[in-house]
């Protein structure tokens, strides 16, 4: 019996020391407290803290379309760099040249799925609620289930994503200056020089590519889409 069951084997003569349940709960609370302290040092706040501080409150006096046109211009520059759009020609391009300059949709779709749409010009194309069809505006806040836009009539509208089909446009040619480099940031003007008035032109005032966005399949936060893997699936909407 000794040779078959005991000889050459390691035998525990007592139970190993294990942490108690109370100690595990206490360590978990300490870890959560340290994580919250690190978030506060970095300036990161959660939904509840943001709601208490009034981060998402919008002053009605600032509900002006012209104030958010510069944000829309920055979004066009962001799309130009993200999609690698070609530079705009010096002369007005023909329809054939514009068709050749259009990038392949297969390479644009994965980037657009994970892109940020704050500053884009979003339009309701189809909806089960006919009252909101045709509403268009610059996206000033995107949540998991809705777009908040500012219209040309200086009105703030909350557009739910569920059961809606949206349209948005991307410039066909790059809006960045020819001397722009990815590794070189834009030059910041001094605050003592008065900046010129922002132009009221949007992406619709130049050659553009139009896409449709299905709200039922787009019900994710902007931060969650960046790390999410989407699969190509057939869908029937409305």
Protein backbone atom coordinates (compact mmCIF):
# COMPACT_ATOMS: atom_id res chain seq x y z
CA UNK A 1 0.00 0.00 0.00
CA UNK A 2 2.85 2.41 0.81
CA UNK A 3 4.67 1.70 -2.44
CA UNK A 4 1.56 2.13 -4.60
CA UNK A 5 -0.10 5.14 -2.98
CA UNK A 6 2.45 7.04 -0.88
CA UNK A 7 5.98 6.52 -2.15
CA UNK A 8 7.25 9.31 -4.44
CA UNK A 9 4.15 11.51 -4.09
CA UNK A 10 3.55 14.88 -2.45
CA UNK A 11 0.90 14.76 0.29
CA UNK A 12 -0.64 17.86 1.90
CA UNK A 13 -0.85 17.39 5.63
CA UNK A 14 -3.06 20.48 6.18
CA UNK A 15 -5.38 22.74 4.19
CA UNK A 16 -3.70 25.67 2.39
CA UNK A 17 -4.29 29.18 3.70
CA UNK A 18 -7.13 30.92 1.81
CA UNK A 19 -8.35 34.49 1.94
CA UNK A 20 -11.65 34.97 3.69
CA UNK A 21 -14.71 36.31 1.91
CA UNK A 22 -14.59 39.54 3.90
CA UNK A 23 -10.98 40.14 2.90
CA UNK A 24 -11.84 39.63 -0.79
CA UNK A 25 -14.72 42.11 -0.56
CA UNK A 26 -12.50 44.64 1.22
CA UNK A 27 -9.77 44.29 -1.44
CA UNK A 28 -12.37 44.74 -4.20
CA UNK A 29 -13.64 47.97 -2.60
CA UNK A 30 -10.09 49.27 -2.28
CA UNK A 31 -9.43 48.52 -5.96
CA UNK A 32 -12.62 50.34 -7.01
CA UNK A 33 -11.68 53.32 -4.83
CA UNK A 34 -8.20 53.51 -6.39
CA UNK A 35 -9.69 53.29 -9.88
CA UNK A 36 -12.07 56.17 -9.13
CA UNK A 37 -9.20 58.25 -7.79
CA UNK A 38 -7.20 57.64 -10.97
CA UNK A 39 -10.20 58.61 -13.12
CA UNK A 40 -10.60 61.85 -11.18
CA UNK A 41 -6.89 62.65 -11.59
CA UNK A 42 -7.21 62.19 -15.34
CA UNK A 43 -10.37 64.27 -15.45
CA UNK A 44 -12.57 61.32 -16.45
CA UNK A 45 -16.10 61.25 -15.06
CA UNK A 46 -18.94 58.81 -15.40
CA UNK A 47 -22.52 59.30 -16.58
CA UNK A 48 -23.86 60.01 -13.11
CA UNK A 49 -21.17 62.57 -12.28
CA UNK A 50 -21.56 64.20 -15.69
CA UNK A 51 -25.31 64.52 -15.13
CA UNK A 52 -24.77 66.02 -11.67
CA UNK A 53 -22.23 68.54 -12.97
CA UNK A 54 -24.49 69.51 -15.85
CA UNK A 55 -22.04 68.50 -18.57
CA UNK A 56 -24.82 67.60 -21.00
CA UNK A 57 -26.96 70.67 -20.29
CA UNK A 58 -27.27 72.96 -23.29
CA UNK A 59 -27.86 76.70 -23.05
CA UNK A 60 -30.76 77.66 -25.31
CA UNK A 61 -29.10 81.01 -26.03
CA UNK A 62 -26.31 79.14 -27.83
CA UNK A 63 -28.71 77.21 -30.07
CA UNK A 64 -27.44 78.84 -33.26
CA UNK A 65 -26.54 76.94 -36.40
CA UNK A 66 -23.73 79.31 -37.33
CA UNK A 67 -21.94 78.62 -34.04
CA UNK A 68 -21.59 74.93 -34.93
CA UNK A 69 -20.51 75.36 -38.56
CA UNK A 70 -16.81 75.41 -37.47
CA UNK A 71 -17.42 72.06 -35.74
CA UNK A 72 -18.84 70.75 -39.00
CA UNK A 73 -15.76 72.05 -40.85
CA UNK A 74 -13.49 70.21 -38.40
CA UNK A 75 -15.52 67.05 -38.98
CA UNK A 76 -14.96 67.33 -42.75
CA UNK A 77 -11.22 67.69 -42.14
CA UNK A 78 -11.41 64.64 -39.86
CA UNK A 79 -13.17 62.63 -42.59
CA UNK A 80 -10.63 63.77 -45.18
CA UNK A 81 -7.78 62.42 -43.08
CA UNK A 82 -9.60 59.28 -41.93
CA UNK A 83 -10.71 58.18 -45.41
CA UNK A 84 -7.60 59.43 -47.23
CA UNK A 85 -9.59 61.57 -49.67
CA UNK A 86 -7.79 62.92 -52.77
CA UNK A 87 -6.96 66.65 -53.00
CA UNK A 88 -9.42 68.93 -54.73
CA UNK A 89 -8.44 69.79 -58.33
CA UNK A 90 -7.84 73.40 -59.31
CA UNK A 91 -10.58 73.33 -61.97
CA UNK A 92 -14.12 72.04 -61.69
CA UNK A 93 -13.98 68.29 -62.32
CA UNK A 94 -16.20 66.56 -64.85
CA UNK A 95 -18.62 63.81 -63.91
CA UNK A 96 -16.22 61.15 -65.22
CA UNK A 97 -13.30 62.56 -63.23
CA UNK A 98 -15.46 62.74 -60.11
CA UNK A 99 -16.49 59.11 -60.57
CA UNK A 100 -12.84 58.06 -60.85
CA UNK A 101 -11.91 60.06 -57.74
CA UNK A 102 -14.56 58.35 -55.64
CA UNK A 103 -12.89 55.87 -53.25
CA UNK A 104 -14.07 52.28 -52.96
CA UNK A 105 -17.00 51.82 -50.59
CA UNK A 106 -15.58 48.54 -49.26
CA UNK A 107 -12.67 50.41 -47.72
CA UNK A 108 -14.80 53.28 -46.39
CA UNK A 109 -17.53 51.31 -44.58
CA UNK A 110 -15.33 49.78 -41.82
CA UNK A 111 -13.87 53.21 -41.05
CA UNK A 112 -17.25 54.95 -41.03
CA UNK A 113 -18.65 52.35 -38.61
CA UNK A 114 -16.04 53.31 -36.01
CA UNK A 115 -15.90 57.02 -36.83
CA UNK A 116 -17.10 59.88 -34.65
CA UNK A 117 -20.19 61.67 -36.00
CA UNK A 118 -20.12 64.75 -33.75
CA UNK A 119 -20.18 67.61 -36.26
CA UNK A 120 -21.66 65.67 -39.15
CA UNK A 121 -24.73 66.89 -41.04
CA UNK A 122 -27.37 64.22 -40.33
CA UNK A 123 -30.75 64.03 -42.09
CA UNK A 124 -33.74 61.78 -41.38
CA UNK A 125 -34.42 59.94 -44.63
CA UNK A 126 -37.13 57.45 -43.59
CA UNK A 127 -39.04 56.99 -40.38
CA UNK A 128 -42.18 55.41 -38.99
CA UNK A 129 -42.95 58.87 -37.63
CA UNK A 130 -43.64 61.04 -40.70
CA UNK A 131 -43.35 64.23 -38.63
CA UNK A 132 -39.55 64.01 -38.38
CA UNK A 133 -38.78 62.97 -41.98
CA UNK A 134 -36.58 65.59 -43.59
CA UNK A 135 -35.21 67.09 -40.35
CA UNK A 136 -31.55 67.92 -40.89
CA UNK A 137 -28.90 69.41 -38.64
CA UNK A 138 -25.38 69.25 -37.27
CA UNK A 139 -24.86 66.52 -34.66
CA UNK A 140 -23.86 68.13 -31.36
CA UNK A 141 -24.31 65.08 -29.11
CA UNK A 142 -24.63 61.37 -29.84
CA UNK A 143 -25.89 58.85 -27.31
CA UNK A 144 -26.56 55.14 -27.54
CA UNK A 145 -30.12 55.63 -28.78
CA UNK A 146 -30.34 59.15 -30.24
CA UNK A 147 -28.71 62.00 -32.15
CA UNK A 148 -29.08 65.56 -30.86
CA UNK A 149 -28.81 68.02 -33.75
CA UNK A 150 -29.00 71.77 -34.28
CA UNK A 151 -31.05 72.72 -37.37
CA UNK A 152 -30.70 75.68 -39.70
CA UNK A 153 -33.74 77.18 -37.99
CA UNK A 154 -31.66 77.35 -34.76
CA UNK A 155 -33.67 74.62 -33.05
CA UNK A 156 -32.34 71.66 -31.07
CA UNK A 157 -33.93 68.35 -32.08
CA UNK A 158 -33.52 64.92 -30.48
CA UNK A 159 -33.71 62.23 -33.19
CA UNK A 160 -34.09 58.63 -31.90
CA UNK A 161 -32.13 55.96 -33.74
CA UNK A 162 -34.75 53.24 -33.44
CA UNK A 163 -36.86 52.70 -36.58
CA UNK A 164 -35.08 55.52 -38.44
CA UNK A 165 -32.92 55.69 -41.54
CA UNK A 166 -30.51 58.63 -41.68
CA UNK A 167 -28.47 60.18 -44.47
CA UNK A 168 -25.11 61.88 -44.09
CA UNK A 169 -22.61 63.19 -46.62
CA UNK A 170 -18.84 62.97 -46.83
CA UNK A 171 -16.82 65.34 -49.05
CA UNK A 172 -15.58 63.78 -52.26
CA UNK A 173 -12.32 65.73 -52.14
CA UNK A 174 -10.12 66.53 -49.18
CA UNK A 175 -10.84 69.78 -47.34
CA UNK A 176 -7.37 69.85 -45.78
CA UNK A 177 -4.73 72.28 -47.11
CA UNK A 178 -2.25 70.76 -49.60
CA UNK A 179 0.63 71.33 -47.18
CA UNK A 180 -1.03 69.32 -44.40
CA UNK A 181 0.89 66.35 -43.03
CA UNK A 182 -0.49 63.67 -40.73
CA UNK A 183 2.48 63.99 -38.37
CA UNK A 184 2.32 67.81 -38.30
CA UNK A 185 -0.51 69.44 -36.32
CA UNK A 186 -2.33 72.53 -37.47
CA UNK A 187 -0.81 75.87 -36.50
CA UNK A 188 -2.76 77.57 -33.72
CA UNK A 189 -3.34 81.31 -34.11
CA UNK A 190 -2.59 83.66 -31.25
CA UNK A 191 -5.63 84.77 -29.26
CA UNK A 192 -4.81 88.44 -29.93
CA UNK A 193 -5.62 88.21 -33.64
CA UNK A 194 -9.31 88.28 -34.42
CA UNK A 195 -10.21 85.20 -36.48
CA UNK A 196 -12.16 85.70 -39.71
CA UNK A 197 -15.89 84.98 -39.61
CA UNK A 198 -16.57 81.28 -40.17
CA UNK A 199 -18.01 80.39 -43.60
CA UNK A 200 -21.57 79.07 -43.66
CA UNK A 201 -20.83 76.46 -46.32
CA UNK A 202 -21.42 72.82 -45.47
CA UNK A 203 -20.54 69.53 -47.08
CA UNK A 204 -23.61 69.85 -49.33
CA UNK A 205 -22.13 72.94 -51.02
CA UNK A 206 -19.37 70.89 -52.67
CA UNK A 207 -19.03 67.47 -54.35
CA UNK A 208 -19.94 64.83 -51.78
CA UNK A 209 -20.68 61.15 -51.26
CA UNK A 210 -23.93 60.27 -49.54
CA UNK A 211 -24.43 57.29 -47.22
CA UNK A 212 -27.43 55.79 -45.48
CA UNK A 213 -27.28 54.90 -41.80
CA UNK A 214 -29.71 52.37 -40.32
CA UNK A 215 -30.53 53.45 -36.80
CA UNK A 216 -31.59 50.03 -35.48
CA UNK A 217 -28.12 48.62 -36.25
CA UNK A 218 -26.33 51.76 -35.00
CA UNK A 219 -27.53 51.82 -31.42
CA UNK A 220 -24.10 51.96 -29.80
CA UNK A 221 -22.17 54.70 -28.11
CA UNK A 222 -19.38 56.34 -30.08
CA UNK A 223 -16.77 55.00 -27.63
CA UNK A 224 -18.16 51.44 -27.85
CA UNK A 225 -18.07 51.36 -31.66
CA UNK A 226 -14.33 52.03 -31.73
CA UNK A 227 -13.49 48.60 -30.28
CA UNK A 228 -16.44 46.61 -31.60
CA UNK A 229 -16.24 44.13 -34.49
CA UNK A 230 -19.17 44.36 -36.88
CA UNK A 231 -20.26 41.60 -39.23
CA UNK A 232 -21.86 42.08 -42.62
CA UNK A 233 -25.50 41.00 -42.45
CA UNK A 234 -28.48 41.40 -44.72
CA UNK A 235 -31.27 43.53 -43.24
CA UNK A 236 -34.77 44.65 -44.10
CA UNK A 237 -35.74 48.07 -42.77
CA UNK A 238 -39.12 49.82 -42.66
